[in-house]
Amino acid sequence: MRLSLFTVLFSLAFSSFEIDKTQSRISYIGSHPFHDWKGTTSKIEVNTDCEPTSTDCDVIVSVPVISFISGNDNRDSNMLFHIDAFSYPVVRISFSNLNIPELASNSENINFNGEIDFHGEKLIQEIPIFATINNSTLAITSNFHILLDSFDIDQPTLMMIPVKNQIKIDVKLYGEFIKK
């Protein structure tokens, strides 16, 4: 209940960005010696005080872990079990002190320190971000990796062989700045 109230209050205070959920996707890609797989979601929430000209703003990207779908119900259920989805239902990445004009004017990725809050653990990690702004429309892409053991997650096994510890994260966010 406290989390929901916090989210609503934060959204009211910083309601300057609306994500396009028809185009935006976050995926995780896992690997096992027998196969690779991908889980994807479009149920992404972005809370921010950023505007197209902001030189010091904050962003929180939140995703309910239950929303990631790989196309295999057993795999998805196993993933939710191993990450304790009922105890830790949301994964968040927070960024502080973003400079939107600098980010959008750069033709290459810019690395930002993001705080990843996953499975009850918080970790600061350098995350590369590439962004473009066209009028009030913002497009962001990012590719990075996390390590399961960094978040105190035991590697699931298939036929007694564990999945790789490294999980690739692929982000494509599209949205529009809304005038307050």
Protein backbone atom coordinates (compact mmCIF):
# COMPACT_ATOMS: atom_id res chain seq x y z
CA MET A 1 0.00 0.00 0.00
CA ARG A 2 2.82 2.44 0.86
CA LEU A 3 4.52 1.68 -2.47
CA SER A 4 1.32 2.37 -4.42
CA LEU A 5 0.74 5.65 -2.57
CA PHE A 6 4.37 6.68 -3.17
CA THR A 7 4.04 5.89 -6.89
CA VAL A 8 0.82 7.89 -7.23
CA LEU A 9 2.26 10.91 -5.36
CA PHE A 10 5.51 10.75 -7.35
CA SER A 11 3.55 10.55 -10.62
CA LEU A 12 1.50 13.60 -9.69
CA ALA A 13 4.58 15.60 -8.81
CA PHE A 14 6.54 14.58 -11.90
CA SER A 15 4.02 13.94 -14.65
CA SER A 16 6.01 15.45 -17.52
CA PHE A 17 6.72 12.29 -19.54
CA GLU A 18 4.36 9.72 -21.04
CA ILE A 19 5.74 6.42 -22.29
CA ASP A 20 4.43 4.86 -25.50
CA LYS A 21 3.66 1.31 -24.36
CA THR A 22 2.85 0.18 -27.91
CA GLN A 23 6.49 0.71 -28.98
CA SER A 24 8.49 0.48 -25.74
CA ARG A 25 10.01 -2.82 -24.66
CA ILE A 26 12.42 -4.12 -22.04
CA SER A 27 13.80 -7.63 -22.54
CA TYR A 28 16.10 -9.90 -20.63
CA ILE A 29 18.09 -12.55 -22.49
CA GLY A 30 19.31 -15.60 -20.62
CA SER A 31 21.55 -18.41 -21.77
CA HIS A 32 21.97 -22.09 -21.00
CA PRO A 33 24.26 -24.55 -22.82
CA PHE A 34 21.13 -26.06 -24.45
CA HIS A 35 19.43 -22.83 -25.54
CA ASP A 36 19.00 -19.07 -25.12
CA TRP A 37 15.71 -17.37 -24.32
CA LYS A 38 14.22 -13.91 -24.07
CA GLY A 39 11.53 -12.50 -21.78
CA THR A 40 9.91 -9.23 -22.83
CA THR A 41 7.54 -6.68 -21.32
CA SER A 42 5.88 -3.46 -22.37
CA LYS A 43 4.40 -2.79 -18.91
CA ILE A 44 6.88 -0.04 -18.15
CA GLU A 45 6.35 2.94 -15.88
CA VAL A 46 8.58 6.00 -16.09
CA ASN A 47 8.48 8.67 -13.38
CA THR A 48 10.59 11.73 -14.01
CA ASP A 49 10.95 15.45 -13.55
CA CYS A 50 12.77 15.71 -16.90
CA GLU A 51 11.80 18.06 -19.71
CA PRO A 52 13.50 18.42 -23.11
CA THR A 53 15.72 21.22 -21.75
CA SER A 54 16.42 19.76 -18.28
CA THR A 55 20.09 19.80 -17.30
CA ASP A 56 19.62 18.14 -13.90
CA CYS A 57 16.71 15.74 -13.64
CA ASP A 58 15.88 12.31 -12.23
CA VAL A 59 14.26 9.22 -13.77
CA ILE A 60 12.84 6.05 -12.25
CA VAL A 61 11.94 3.18 -14.59
CA SER A 62 9.77 0.48 -12.95
CA VAL A 63 8.58 -2.87 -14.28
CA PRO A 64 6.51 -5.56 -12.56
CA VAL A 65 8.59 -8.74 -12.87
CA ILE A 66 5.45 -10.83 -13.47
CA SER A 67 4.94 -8.94 -16.76
CA PHE A 68 8.01 -10.49 -18.48
CA ILE A 69 6.82 -13.11 -20.98
CA SER A 70 9.16 -15.55 -22.74
CA GLY A 71 6.53 -17.58 -24.56
CA ASN A 72 7.06 -20.60 -22.31
CA ASP A 73 4.81 -20.66 -19.23
CA ASN A 74 7.02 -23.16 -17.37
CA ARG A 75 10.12 -21.03 -17.93
CA ASP A 76 8.28 -17.88 -16.83
CA SER A 77 6.98 -19.60 -13.70
CA ASN A 78 10.47 -20.89 -12.88
CA MET A 79 11.92 -17.40 -13.36
CA LEU A 80 9.32 -15.90 -11.00
CA PHE A 81 10.11 -18.58 -8.41
CA HIS A 82 13.89 -17.97 -8.54
CA ILE A 83 13.63 -14.19 -8.27
CA ASP A 84 11.06 -14.39 -5.42
CA ALA A 85 8.52 -12.39 -7.44
CA PHE A 86 5.93 -12.33 -4.67
CA SER A 87 8.43 -10.84 -2.20
CA TYR A 88 10.05 -8.52 -4.77
CA PRO A 89 7.38 -7.78 -7.41
CA VAL A 90 9.04 -4.79 -9.11
CA VAL A 91 12.44 -4.11 -10.64
CA ARG A 92 13.53 -0.46 -10.75
CA ILE A 93 16.35 1.49 -12.29
CA SER A 94 16.91 5.03 -11.02
CA PHE A 95 19.05 7.74 -12.58
CA SER A 96 19.96 11.10 -11.05
CA ASN A 97 21.43 14.30 -12.46
CA LEU A 98 20.61 13.59 -16.11
CA ASN A 99 21.32 16.28 -18.69
CA ILE A 100 18.72 15.75 -21.44
CA PRO A 101 20.17 18.17 -24.07
CA GLU A 102 23.65 16.63 -23.64
CA LEU A 103 22.23 13.12 -23.84
CA ALA A 104 20.18 13.87 -26.97
CA SER A 105 22.94 15.79 -28.78
CA ASN A 106 25.51 13.00 -28.44
CA SER A 107 25.84 10.63 -31.41
CA GLU A 108 27.13 7.80 -29.21
CA ASN A 109 26.11 6.07 -25.98
CA ILE A 110 26.70 7.99 -22.77
CA ASN A 111 27.34 5.96 -19.63
CA PHE A 112 25.30 6.85 -16.55
CA ASN A 113 25.36 5.38 -13.08
CA GLY A 114 21.99 3.78 -12.53
CA GLU A 115 20.78 2.25 -9.29
CA ILE A 116 19.20 -1.12 -10.01
CA ASP A 117 16.76 -2.28 -7.33
CA PHE A 118 16.11 -5.99 -7.95
CA HIS A 119 15.37 -8.94 -5.67
CA GLY A 120 15.77 -6.79 -2.56
CA GLU A 121 19.29 -5.73 -3.52
CA LYS A 122 20.38 -2.30 -4.75
CA LEU A 123 23.39 -1.99 -6.99
CA ILE A 124 24.94 1.03 -8.72
CA GLN A 125 25.94 0.05 -12.24
CA GLU A 126 27.22 1.97 -15.23
CA ILE A 127 24.54 1.80 -17.93
CA PRO A 128 25.07 3.02 -21.51
CA ILE A 129 22.20 5.12 -22.87
CA PHE A 130 21.60 6.41 -26.39
CA ALA A 131 18.83 8.97 -26.82
CA THR A 132 17.30 11.06 -29.57
CA ILE A 133 14.78 13.86 -29.22
CA ASN A 134 12.58 15.05 -32.06
CA ASN A 135 10.49 18.00 -30.81
CA SER A 136 8.88 16.53 -27.68
CA THR A 137 9.38 12.85 -28.61
CA LEU A 138 12.17 10.95 -26.87
CA ALA A 139 13.63 7.59 -27.96
CA ILE A 140 16.06 5.75 -25.67
CA THR A 141 17.97 2.54 -26.26
CA SER A 142 20.29 0.71 -23.93
CA ASN A 143 22.01 -2.66 -23.74
CA PHE A 144 23.79 -3.86 -20.64
CA HIS A 145 24.29 -6.95 -18.48
CA ILE A 146 23.52 -7.88 -14.92
CA LEU A 147 24.89 -10.78 -12.90
CA LEU A 148 22.37 -12.92 -11.02
CA ASP A 149 24.71 -13.45 -8.09
CA SER A 150 25.10 -9.66 -7.68
CA PHE A 151 21.42 -9.64 -6.69
CA ASP A 152 21.66 -12.73 -4.47
CA ILE A 153 19.78 -14.89 -7.00
CA ASP A 154 20.68 -18.57 -7.29
CA GLN A 155 21.13 -19.64 -10.90
CA PRO A 156 18.28 -21.91 -12.02
CA THR A 157 19.31 -25.26 -13.47
CA LEU A 158 18.12 -27.38 -16.36
CA MET A 159 19.20 -31.01 -16.24
CA MET A 160 21.46 -30.10 -13.31
CA ILE A 161 23.33 -27.51 -15.42
CA PRO A 162 22.93 -23.89 -14.26
CA VAL A 163 21.99 -21.05 -16.57
CA LYS A 164 24.73 -18.49 -17.18
CA ASN A 165 25.12 -15.95 -14.41
CA GLN A 166 25.14 -13.06 -16.90
CA ILE A 167 21.76 -11.81 -18.13
CA LYS A 168 21.60 -9.31 -21.00
CA ILE A 169 19.13 -6.43 -20.71
CA ASP A 170 17.82 -4.75 -23.87
CA VAL A 171 15.85 -1.51 -23.49
CA LYS A 172 13.86 0.43 -26.09
CA LEU A 173 11.79 3.26 -24.66
CA TYR A 174 9.71 5.73 -26.63
CA GLY A 175 7.68 8.53 -25.18
CA GLU A 176 6.67 12.13 -25.23
CA PHE A 177 7.27 15.06 -22.93
CA ILE A 178 3.94 16.49 -21.80
CA LYS A 179 3.58 20.18 -21.03
CA LYS A 180 2.58 20.72 -17.39
